Amino acid sequence: MSTTFFRIYLIMFAFVAQSLFAQEYPGGLSDGTLEINGSGIPVKIYSTTELGDLEAFPDRGIKDNVLIILNDSNFESPYSAATLTRFKDSKYQFFDKNFKLIDASVTQKNITGFKYAVKSDKPITASDKVELETSFKIWDPSKGIKLGPVTLHFYSLMFVFAFGFGYILMTRIFKIDHVNQKYLDPLFTWTLIGTILGARLGHVIFYQPELFKEDFWSVFLPISTKNGIKFTGFSGLASHGATIALIFTTLYYSFKIIKKNPFWVYDRLGIVIALGGAFVRMGNFFNSEIVGKPADPNSPFALLFPQQSSEYGLTVPRFPSQMFEAIGYVALFILLWILYRKTNKKYQQGWLFGLFFIILWAIRFFVEFLKEPQGDEFIQIGGLNTGQVLSIPFMIAGVVIMFVSKKFKITEAENEKPE
C-alpha cells in the first residue's frame, strides 16, 4: 500500500512541477506540420474565439507558413464573412474539416463549412492530399447530437447522466439499507435544487459578482440580457457553491422528511456526488471550458482546445485539467462504494462523508495547480487561487467530521430499521 501512495505522490509532484514551468507560446502560435502529398511543411497554428483578433491576424505580418483553425464562435457575427474574405485577399486558402480545398467565395450562408485557413509558400491544389500533424492532440468535437432542428448538447447530456445514474445508484443504496423508496423522490428534488441554484450562486459570488449589477437575470435564468435577450443555457457553475447549498437542503431533507441523522444521508449522498462530479467535468471537457495551463507540446497530456473561451488566454496546447479531475472523482466513487459495501464504516455515521470531503477537495486543490483561472481571482492567499483557498476549509471539515463520527455509531439493526 505504501508503494501505491508513493506513486500517487510522485504523479502529483510531476503535475505541480509541470505547472510551475508552464510553456510560453509567443503570439499564441503553436507548431505543427502540414503534410502535402507526403511532404512535410512546418506551419504555425493559430486559433481564437475573438472575431476581432481573428480579423487583425492577417496584418500581423507573420512570414512563416500559417494554419488557422476556425471555430463556431468565428461564425456568429454578421461580419464573419467579411473577416474571412480579408484572409482570402491575403492569399489564404480555405479547407473543410477533411482538408478538402474550398474554392467558393465566402458568404454568410456557406461560412460554417470552412474549418481551416492556410497560407503557404506554394499554393495547394484540389488534387493534393493534405493532413495536419502535431505533437499534441486537437480536441475539437461537435457540441452535441443533432435531433432534427434541436441539438442535444453534450454538456447538458452529462448533467442528465449525472442525475440519472445518481438516481439509479441511490435507489440501489436505499434497497441495501431497507429504506422506503417513497423517500427517494424528495431527495432527488432537493438535491437538484441545491446543486443548480447553489452552483450558480457560488460561481457568481466567488468569480463574477459584477453580474448582480450588469446582468441580474442571468444569475438565476439560462439567459443573457446584455445586448438583447439571448438563451445561453446554464453555465458558470461552482462546485463550492453547490456543496454549501446541498448541505442546507440535505439538512432539511434529513430532519423534516426522512428523519434520520444528516450524516447518514451525507455518507450515501457523497458516493453519488463523486460519480456525478465526474460527469460534470466531462461536460466541461466537451465544452472546452475550465482548461488547464499551457503544456509542453510534447507532453502526452497536451491538448489544443480551438473552442476555448478567450477568458482563459491564448488558444495553445494545454493540460486537460477537466479530465484529471474527472478521473480523480471516478477513483473516489469506486473507493467510497467499496467501503460502503465491504466494510462496517456505513454504520459510523459521518465517517464516509468526512473521507469524501477530504479526498474530493484534495483532488480539486491539486488539480487547481494546472488550471487556468475561471474568472477574476477575488481570493488569493500565499500564492493559492480562489478554488484552492475555498477547498481548504472543506478538507479541514472532513477531518473534523471523521473524528466526531465515533459518537454516531449505530448497529446494523438500527441502520436497517424499517420506516
Protein backbone atom coordinates (compact mmCIF):
# COMPACT_ATOMS: atom_id res chain seq x y z
CA MET A 1 0.00 0.00 0.00
CA SER A 2 2.86 2.39 0.82
CA THR A 3 4.30 1.87 -2.66
CA THR A 4 0.96 2.81 -4.19
CA PHE A 5 0.74 6.02 -2.19
CA PHE A 6 4.34 6.85 -3.10
CA ARG A 7 3.49 6.56 -6.79
CA ILE A 8 0.44 8.78 -6.32
CA TYR A 9 2.58 11.44 -4.63
CA LEU A 10 5.11 11.23 -7.48
CA ILE A 11 2.36 11.81 -10.06
CA MET A 12 1.03 14.80 -8.09
CA PHE A 13 4.55 16.18 -7.80
CA ALA A 14 5.04 15.82 -11.56
CA PHE A 15 1.80 17.69 -12.26
CA VAL A 16 2.70 20.51 -9.88
CA ALA A 17 6.24 20.71 -11.26
CA GLN A 18 4.97 20.97 -14.84
CA SER A 19 2.59 23.76 -13.84
CA LEU A 20 5.47 25.75 -12.38
CA PHE A 21 7.22 25.56 -15.74
CA ALA A 22 4.19 26.30 -17.93
CA GLN A 23 5.15 26.69 -21.56
CA GLU A 24 5.19 30.00 -23.40
CA TYR A 25 3.85 30.36 -26.94
CA PRO A 26 4.86 33.73 -28.46
CA GLY A 27 1.93 35.36 -30.22
CA GLY A 28 -0.35 32.48 -29.35
CA LEU A 29 1.20 30.34 -32.09
CA SER A 30 2.00 26.65 -31.73
CA ASP A 31 3.89 24.41 -34.14
CA GLY A 32 2.72 21.68 -36.48
CA THR A 33 3.47 20.08 -39.81
CA LEU A 34 1.23 20.23 -42.85
CA GLU A 35 1.66 17.02 -44.82
CA ILE A 36 1.03 17.70 -48.52
CA ASN A 37 1.33 14.59 -50.71
CA GLY A 38 3.71 13.07 -48.15
CA SER A 39 5.99 16.12 -47.90
CA GLY A 40 6.02 17.97 -44.60
CA ILE A 41 5.80 21.78 -44.36
CA PRO A 42 6.31 23.36 -40.90
CA VAL A 43 3.38 25.65 -40.04
CA LYS A 44 2.44 27.97 -37.22
CA ILE A 45 -1.02 27.12 -35.82
CA TYR A 46 -3.40 29.81 -34.61
CA SER A 47 -6.96 29.84 -33.28
CA THR A 48 -9.11 32.30 -31.37
CA THR A 49 -12.73 32.72 -30.34
CA GLU A 50 -12.48 36.51 -30.65
CA LEU A 51 -13.55 37.72 -34.08
CA GLY A 52 -11.64 40.98 -33.58
CA ASP A 53 -8.37 39.11 -33.00
CA LEU A 54 -9.06 36.90 -35.99
CA GLU A 55 -9.77 39.94 -38.20
CA ALA A 56 -6.48 41.55 -37.16
CA PHE A 57 -4.40 38.42 -37.73
CA PRO A 58 -3.57 38.97 -41.46
CA ASP A 59 -1.99 42.31 -40.53
CA ARG A 60 0.46 40.76 -38.09
CA GLY A 61 2.91 40.14 -40.91
CA ILE A 62 3.87 36.59 -39.93
CA LYS A 63 6.29 35.29 -42.55
CA ASP A 64 6.01 31.59 -41.69
CA ASN A 65 3.56 29.19 -43.26
CA VAL A 66 0.38 29.54 -41.21
CA LEU A 67 -2.65 27.36 -40.48
CA ILE A 68 -5.67 28.83 -38.70
CA ILE A 69 -8.30 26.61 -37.06
CA LEU A 70 -11.70 28.27 -37.33
CA ASN A 71 -14.44 27.57 -34.78
CA ASP A 72 -18.15 28.14 -34.21
CA SER A 73 -17.77 31.48 -32.45
CA ASN A 74 -15.99 32.87 -35.53
CA PHE A 75 -19.22 32.45 -37.49
CA GLU A 76 -21.71 34.06 -35.09
CA SER A 77 -21.22 37.67 -36.16
CA PRO A 78 -22.87 39.15 -39.27
CA TYR A 79 -19.38 40.41 -40.14
CA SER A 80 -17.83 36.91 -40.14
CA ALA A 81 -17.93 36.52 -43.91
CA ALA A 82 -16.21 39.89 -44.39
CA THR A 83 -13.49 38.81 -41.93
CA LEU A 84 -12.75 35.61 -43.82
CA THR A 85 -12.79 37.49 -47.10
CA ARG A 86 -9.87 39.52 -45.76
CA PHE A 87 -7.97 36.24 -45.35
CA LYS A 88 -8.76 35.29 -48.94
CA ASP A 89 -7.45 38.67 -50.08
CA SER A 90 -4.28 37.96 -48.08
CA LYS A 91 -3.61 34.79 -50.12
CA TYR A 92 -5.07 32.31 -47.61
CA GLN A 93 -6.75 29.17 -48.90
CA PHE A 94 -9.76 27.62 -47.17
CA PHE A 95 -10.42 23.96 -46.38
CA ASP A 96 -13.25 21.98 -44.85
CA LYS A 97 -12.85 19.68 -41.82
CA ASN A 98 -11.50 16.90 -44.08
CA PHE A 99 -8.90 19.22 -45.63
CA LYS A 100 -10.73 19.41 -48.93
CA LEU A 101 -9.99 22.68 -50.73
CA ILE A 102 -12.85 25.19 -50.88
CA ASP A 103 -12.70 27.44 -53.93
CA ALA A 104 -16.12 29.04 -53.45
CA SER A 105 -16.46 32.65 -52.39
CA VAL A 106 -17.09 33.29 -48.71
CA THR A 107 -20.73 34.04 -47.89
CA GLN A 108 -22.67 34.12 -44.64
CA LYS A 109 -24.62 31.06 -45.81
CA ASN A 110 -21.69 28.75 -46.57
CA ILE A 111 -19.27 30.02 -43.92
CA THR A 112 -19.90 27.20 -41.45
CA GLY A 113 -18.31 24.76 -43.90
CA PHE A 114 -14.94 26.50 -43.54
CA LYS A 115 -12.64 24.86 -40.99
CA TYR A 116 -9.05 25.79 -41.87
CA ALA A 117 -7.35 28.80 -43.42
CA VAL A 118 -3.86 28.09 -44.75
CA LYS A 119 -1.18 30.36 -46.14
CA SER A 120 1.79 28.53 -47.62
CA ASP A 121 4.75 29.31 -49.86
CA LYS A 122 3.28 27.11 -52.58
CA PRO A 123 -0.50 27.18 -53.28
CA ILE A 124 -2.31 23.91 -52.58
CA THR A 125 -4.40 22.35 -55.35
CA ALA A 126 -7.67 20.43 -55.07
CA SER A 127 -5.90 17.18 -56.03
CA ASP A 128 -3.35 17.44 -53.22
CA LYS A 129 -3.70 15.17 -50.20
CA VAL A 130 -3.43 17.33 -47.09
CA GLU A 131 -3.09 16.31 -43.43
CA LEU A 132 -2.11 18.16 -40.26
CA GLU A 133 0.44 16.53 -37.95
CA THR A 134 1.08 17.85 -34.44
CA SER A 135 2.95 16.58 -31.39
CA PHE A 136 -0.18 17.36 -29.33
CA LYS A 137 -3.79 16.31 -29.79
CA ILE A 138 -6.50 18.69 -31.01
CA TRP A 139 -9.84 18.49 -29.15
CA ASP A 140 -12.48 19.97 -31.40
CA PRO A 141 -15.66 17.85 -31.28
CA SER A 142 -19.19 18.83 -32.26
CA LYS A 143 -21.16 20.47 -29.47
CA GLY A 144 -23.81 17.78 -29.34
CA ILE A 145 -26.08 15.32 -31.05
CA LYS A 146 -28.40 16.76 -33.70
CA LEU A 147 -32.01 15.60 -33.28
CA GLY A 148 -33.70 17.27 -36.23
CA PRO A 149 -33.84 21.03 -35.60
CA VAL A 150 -32.69 20.57 -31.99
CA THR A 151 -29.14 19.88 -30.79
CA LEU A 152 -28.70 17.91 -27.58
CA HIS A 153 -25.53 19.45 -26.16
CA PHE A 154 -23.03 17.06 -24.62
CA TYR A 155 -22.73 19.34 -21.58
CA SER A 156 -26.47 19.01 -20.91
CA LEU A 157 -26.26 15.28 -21.61
CA MET A 158 -23.56 14.88 -18.96
CA PHE A 159 -25.84 16.59 -16.42
CA VAL A 160 -28.61 14.14 -17.39
CA PHE A 161 -26.18 11.27 -16.84
CA ALA A 162 -25.06 12.72 -13.50
CA PHE A 163 -28.59 12.92 -12.09
CA GLY A 164 -29.84 9.82 -13.94
CA PHE A 165 -27.12 7.48 -12.71
CA GLY A 166 -27.28 9.20 -9.33
CA TYR A 167 -30.97 8.33 -9.07
CA ILE A 168 -30.31 4.71 -10.05
CA LEU A 169 -27.42 4.44 -7.61
CA MET A 170 -29.39 5.94 -4.72
CA THR A 171 -32.26 3.56 -5.48
CA ARG A 172 -29.79 0.70 -5.06
CA ILE A 173 -28.45 2.18 -1.82
CA PHE A 174 -31.94 2.59 -0.34
CA LYS A 175 -32.69 -1.06 -1.15
CA ILE A 176 -29.47 -2.20 0.53
CA ASP A 177 -30.35 -0.18 3.64
CA HIS A 178 -34.02 -1.22 3.56
CA VAL A 179 -35.26 2.36 3.26
CA ASN A 180 -38.73 3.00 1.89
CA GLN A 181 -38.48 4.16 -1.73
CA LYS A 182 -41.00 6.92 -1.06
CA TYR A 183 -38.13 8.96 0.39
CA LEU A 184 -36.13 8.80 -2.84
CA ASP A 185 -38.01 11.35 -4.97
CA PRO A 186 -37.86 14.14 -2.32
CA LEU A 187 -34.11 13.56 -2.02
CA PHE A 188 -33.70 13.83 -5.79
CA THR A 189 -35.76 17.04 -5.86
CA TRP A 190 -33.85 18.77 -3.06
CA THR A 191 -30.51 17.62 -4.46
CA LEU A 192 -31.37 19.02 -7.89
CA ILE A 193 -32.45 22.37 -6.42
CA GLY A 194 -29.39 22.63 -4.19
CA THR A 195 -26.95 21.67 -6.94
CA ILE A 196 -28.18 24.03 -9.67
CA LEU A 197 -29.03 27.03 -7.51
CA GLY A 198 -26.02 26.70 -5.22
CA ALA A 199 -23.56 26.10 -8.05
CA ARG A 200 -24.80 29.10 -9.99
CA LEU A 201 -24.85 31.46 -7.00
CA GLY A 202 -21.45 30.16 -5.91
CA HIS A 203 -19.91 30.97 -9.27
CA VAL A 204 -21.36 34.47 -9.37
CA ILE A 205 -20.44 35.28 -5.76
CA PHE A 206 -16.92 33.86 -5.92
CA TYR A 207 -15.99 34.65 -9.53
CA GLN A 208 -18.41 37.11 -11.20
CA PRO A 209 -20.16 39.27 -8.58
CA GLU A 210 -20.49 42.05 -11.15
CA LEU A 211 -23.34 40.09 -12.77
CA PHE A 212 -25.67 41.11 -9.94
CA LYS A 213 -25.47 44.65 -11.33
CA GLU A 214 -24.69 44.13 -15.01
CA ASP A 215 -26.96 41.18 -15.90
CA PHE A 216 -29.07 40.27 -12.86
CA TRP A 217 -31.48 37.82 -14.52
CA SER A 218 -28.60 35.77 -15.95
CA VAL A 219 -27.71 34.82 -12.36
CA PHE A 220 -30.92 32.79 -11.99
CA LEU A 221 -32.05 32.08 -15.54
CA PRO A 222 -30.28 30.47 -18.56
CA ILE A 223 -30.34 33.76 -20.47
CA SER A 224 -28.25 36.87 -21.04
CA THR A 225 -29.93 40.29 -21.19
CA LYS A 226 -26.86 42.14 -22.47
CA ASN A 227 -27.48 43.48 -25.98
CA GLY A 228 -30.91 41.87 -26.06
CA ILE A 229 -32.23 38.64 -24.61
CA LYS A 230 -30.21 35.57 -25.62
CA PHE A 231 -30.56 31.96 -24.46
CA THR A 232 -27.22 30.80 -23.06
CA GLY A 233 -28.06 27.64 -21.15
CA PHE A 234 -26.82 27.15 -17.60
CA SER A 235 -23.12 27.97 -17.45
CA GLY A 236 -20.76 29.24 -14.80
CA LEU A 237 -21.31 26.69 -12.03
CA ALA A 238 -19.08 26.44 -8.94
CA SER A 239 -18.79 23.19 -7.00
CA HIS A 240 -18.07 25.07 -3.76
CA GLY A 241 -21.43 26.82 -4.01
CA ALA A 242 -23.20 23.57 -4.86
CA THR A 243 -21.68 21.90 -1.81
CA ILE A 244 -22.78 24.64 0.58
CA ALA A 245 -26.33 24.62 -0.81
CA LEU A 246 -26.51 20.81 -0.69
CA ILE A 247 -25.52 20.82 2.97
CA PHE A 248 -28.50 23.00 3.84
CA THR A 249 -31.05 21.32 1.56
CA THR A 250 -29.97 17.91 2.87
CA LEU A 251 -30.35 19.12 6.45
CA TYR A 252 -33.97 19.98 5.69
CA TYR A 253 -34.49 16.63 3.98
CA SER A 254 -32.91 14.72 6.91
CA PHE A 255 -34.83 16.39 9.72
CA LYS A 256 -38.19 17.06 8.05
CA ILE A 257 -38.63 14.22 5.55
CA ILE A 258 -36.61 11.05 6.14
CA LYS A 259 -35.96 11.86 9.84
CA LYS A 260 -32.50 10.34 10.04
CA ASN A 261 -29.18 11.67 11.23
CA PRO A 262 -27.96 14.06 8.49
CA PHE A 263 -24.60 12.25 8.48
CA TRP A 264 -26.42 9.05 7.44
CA VAL A 265 -27.72 10.88 4.37
CA TYR A 266 -24.42 12.66 3.68
CA ASP A 267 -22.50 9.35 3.76
CA ARG A 268 -24.62 7.95 0.96
CA LEU A 269 -25.03 11.18 -0.97
CA GLY A 270 -21.25 11.58 -1.12
CA ILE A 271 -20.97 8.33 -3.11
CA VAL A 272 -23.46 9.62 -5.67
CA ILE A 273 -21.91 13.10 -5.86
CA ALA A 274 -18.45 11.68 -6.56
CA LEU A 275 -19.78 9.92 -9.66
CA GLY A 276 -21.91 12.92 -10.67
CA GLY A 277 -18.92 15.24 -10.35
CA ALA A 278 -17.04 13.11 -12.87
CA PHE A 279 -19.86 13.52 -15.41
CA VAL A 280 -19.97 17.29 -14.86
CA ARG A 281 -16.23 17.61 -15.50
CA MET A 282 -16.60 15.52 -18.66
CA GLY A 283 -19.26 18.03 -19.70
CA ASN A 284 -16.71 20.80 -19.13
CA PHE A 285 -14.31 18.82 -21.33
CA PHE A 286 -16.83 18.66 -24.17
CA ASN A 287 -17.45 22.40 -23.73
CA SER A 288 -13.70 23.20 -23.85
CA GLU A 289 -14.02 25.07 -20.55
CA ILE A 290 -12.09 25.01 -17.26
CA VAL A 291 -8.99 24.32 -19.35
CA GLY A 292 -5.51 23.82 -17.95
CA LYS A 293 -2.39 25.91 -18.15
CA PRO A 294 -0.18 25.81 -21.27
CA ALA A 295 1.61 22.47 -21.53
CA ASP A 296 4.76 21.29 -23.26
CA PRO A 297 3.56 20.36 -26.79
CA ASN A 298 5.42 17.05 -26.48
CA SER A 299 3.67 16.13 -23.26
CA PRO A 300 1.27 13.16 -23.57
CA PHE A 301 -1.30 15.36 -21.81
CA ALA A 302 -1.05 18.36 -24.17
CA LEU A 303 -4.35 19.23 -25.89
CA LEU A 304 -5.33 22.15 -28.09
CA PHE A 305 -8.89 23.43 -27.47
CA PRO A 306 -9.81 25.59 -30.52
CA GLN A 307 -13.24 26.28 -28.98
CA GLN A 308 -11.92 27.51 -25.61
CA SER A 309 -13.15 30.90 -24.45
CA SER A 310 -10.75 33.82 -24.71
CA GLU A 311 -11.14 34.34 -20.93
CA TYR A 312 -8.62 31.53 -20.45
CA GLY A 313 -5.96 33.27 -22.51
CA LEU A 314 -4.23 32.20 -25.70
CA THR A 315 -5.50 29.16 -27.58
CA VAL A 316 -2.44 26.92 -27.26
CA PRO A 317 -1.81 23.31 -26.13
CA ARG A 318 -2.97 22.93 -22.53
CA PHE A 319 -3.48 20.37 -19.80
CA PRO A 320 -6.92 18.67 -19.90
CA SER A 321 -7.49 19.57 -16.24
CA GLN A 322 -11.19 18.69 -16.56
CA MET A 323 -10.32 15.05 -17.24
CA PHE A 324 -7.72 14.93 -14.46
CA GLU A 325 -10.46 15.96 -12.07
CA ALA A 326 -13.00 13.57 -13.60
CA ILE A 327 -10.62 10.60 -13.25
CA GLY A 328 -9.98 11.56 -9.62
CA TYR A 329 -13.72 11.63 -8.91
CA VAL A 330 -14.27 8.23 -10.51
CA ALA A 331 -11.50 6.77 -8.33
CA LEU A 332 -13.12 8.39 -5.27
CA PHE A 333 -16.51 6.92 -6.21
CA ILE A 334 -15.01 3.42 -6.50
CA LEU A 335 -13.27 3.79 -3.13
CA LEU A 336 -16.41 5.00 -1.34
CA TRP A 337 -18.58 2.30 -2.92
CA ILE A 338 -16.16 -0.45 -1.84
CA LEU A 339 -16.01 0.93 1.72
CA TYR A 340 -19.81 1.21 1.81
CA ARG A 341 -20.39 -2.35 0.57
CA LYS A 342 -17.46 -4.25 2.07
CA THR A 343 -16.89 -2.62 5.47
CA ASN A 344 -18.89 -1.51 8.51
CA LYS A 345 -17.97 2.15 8.05
CA LYS A 346 -21.50 2.97 6.88
CA TYR A 347 -22.61 2.32 10.46
CA GLN A 348 -20.24 5.01 11.76
CA GLN A 349 -22.37 7.91 10.57
CA GLY A 350 -20.25 10.68 9.07
CA TRP A 351 -17.09 8.66 8.50
CA LEU A 352 -17.66 8.11 4.78
CA PHE A 353 -18.78 11.71 4.35
CA GLY A 354 -15.66 13.03 6.09
CA LEU A 355 -13.43 10.89 3.88
CA PHE A 356 -15.39 12.08 0.84
CA PHE A 357 -14.79 15.72 1.83
CA ILE A 358 -11.07 15.24 2.39
CA ILE A 359 -10.34 13.41 -0.87
CA LEU A 360 -12.75 15.35 -3.11
CA TRP A 361 -11.36 18.73 -2.12
CA ALA A 362 -7.78 17.44 -2.13
CA ILE A 363 -8.32 16.41 -5.78
CA ARG A 364 -9.69 19.87 -6.52
CA PHE A 365 -6.82 21.53 -4.63
CA PHE A 366 -4.04 19.74 -6.53
CA VAL A 367 -5.68 19.97 -9.97
CA GLU A 368 -6.01 23.74 -9.45
CA PHE A 369 -2.22 23.97 -9.87
CA LEU A 370 -2.76 23.01 -13.52
CA LYS A 371 -5.89 25.10 -14.16
CA GLU A 372 -6.34 28.49 -15.68
CA PRO A 373 -8.44 30.87 -13.51
CA GLN A 374 -12.18 30.58 -14.18
CA GLY A 375 -12.71 34.31 -13.69
CA ASP A 376 -11.35 37.14 -11.61
CA GLU A 377 -9.40 35.77 -8.65
CA PHE A 378 -11.01 37.67 -5.77
CA ILE A 379 -9.44 35.40 -3.14
CA GLN A 380 -5.68 34.76 -3.22
CA ILE A 381 -3.61 33.75 -0.21
CA GLY A 382 0.02 32.68 -0.25
CA GLY A 383 0.04 32.05 -4.00
CA LEU A 384 -3.08 29.87 -3.83
CA ASN A 385 -6.00 30.71 -6.09
CA THR A 386 -9.69 31.07 -5.21
CA GLY A 387 -10.53 27.41 -5.80
CA GLN A 388 -7.68 26.24 -3.58
CA VAL A 389 -8.41 28.67 -0.76
CA LEU A 390 -12.08 27.64 -0.75
CA SER A 391 -11.12 23.94 -0.72
CA ILE A 392 -9.04 24.12 2.45
CA PRO A 393 -11.96 24.69 4.90
CA PHE A 394 -13.82 21.74 3.36
CA MET A 395 -10.80 19.44 3.81
CA ILE A 396 -10.46 20.56 7.44
CA ALA A 397 -14.18 19.98 7.93
CA GLY A 398 -13.73 16.45 6.57
CA VAL A 399 -11.07 15.68 9.18
CA VAL A 400 -13.29 17.02 11.97
CA ILE A 401 -16.32 15.05 10.72
CA MET A 402 -14.34 11.80 10.61
CA PHE A 403 -13.16 12.44 14.17
CA VAL A 404 -16.61 13.16 15.61
CA SER A 405 -18.24 10.31 13.67
CA LYS A 406 -17.22 7.98 16.50
CA LYS A 407 -20.09 9.46 18.50
CA PHE A 408 -22.67 8.47 15.88
CA LYS A 409 -22.13 4.74 15.54
CA ILE A 410 -25.21 2.61 15.01
CA THR A 411 -25.77 -1.12 14.74
CA GLU A 412 -26.75 -2.96 11.58
CA ALA A 413 -30.20 -3.50 13.07
CA GLU A 414 -30.61 0.23 13.74
CA ASN A 415 -29.47 1.03 10.21
CA GLU A 416 -32.00 -1.32 8.65
CA LYS A 417 -34.84 -0.39 10.98
CA PRO A 418 -37.98 -0.30 8.81
CA GLU A 419 -39.66 3.07 8.32
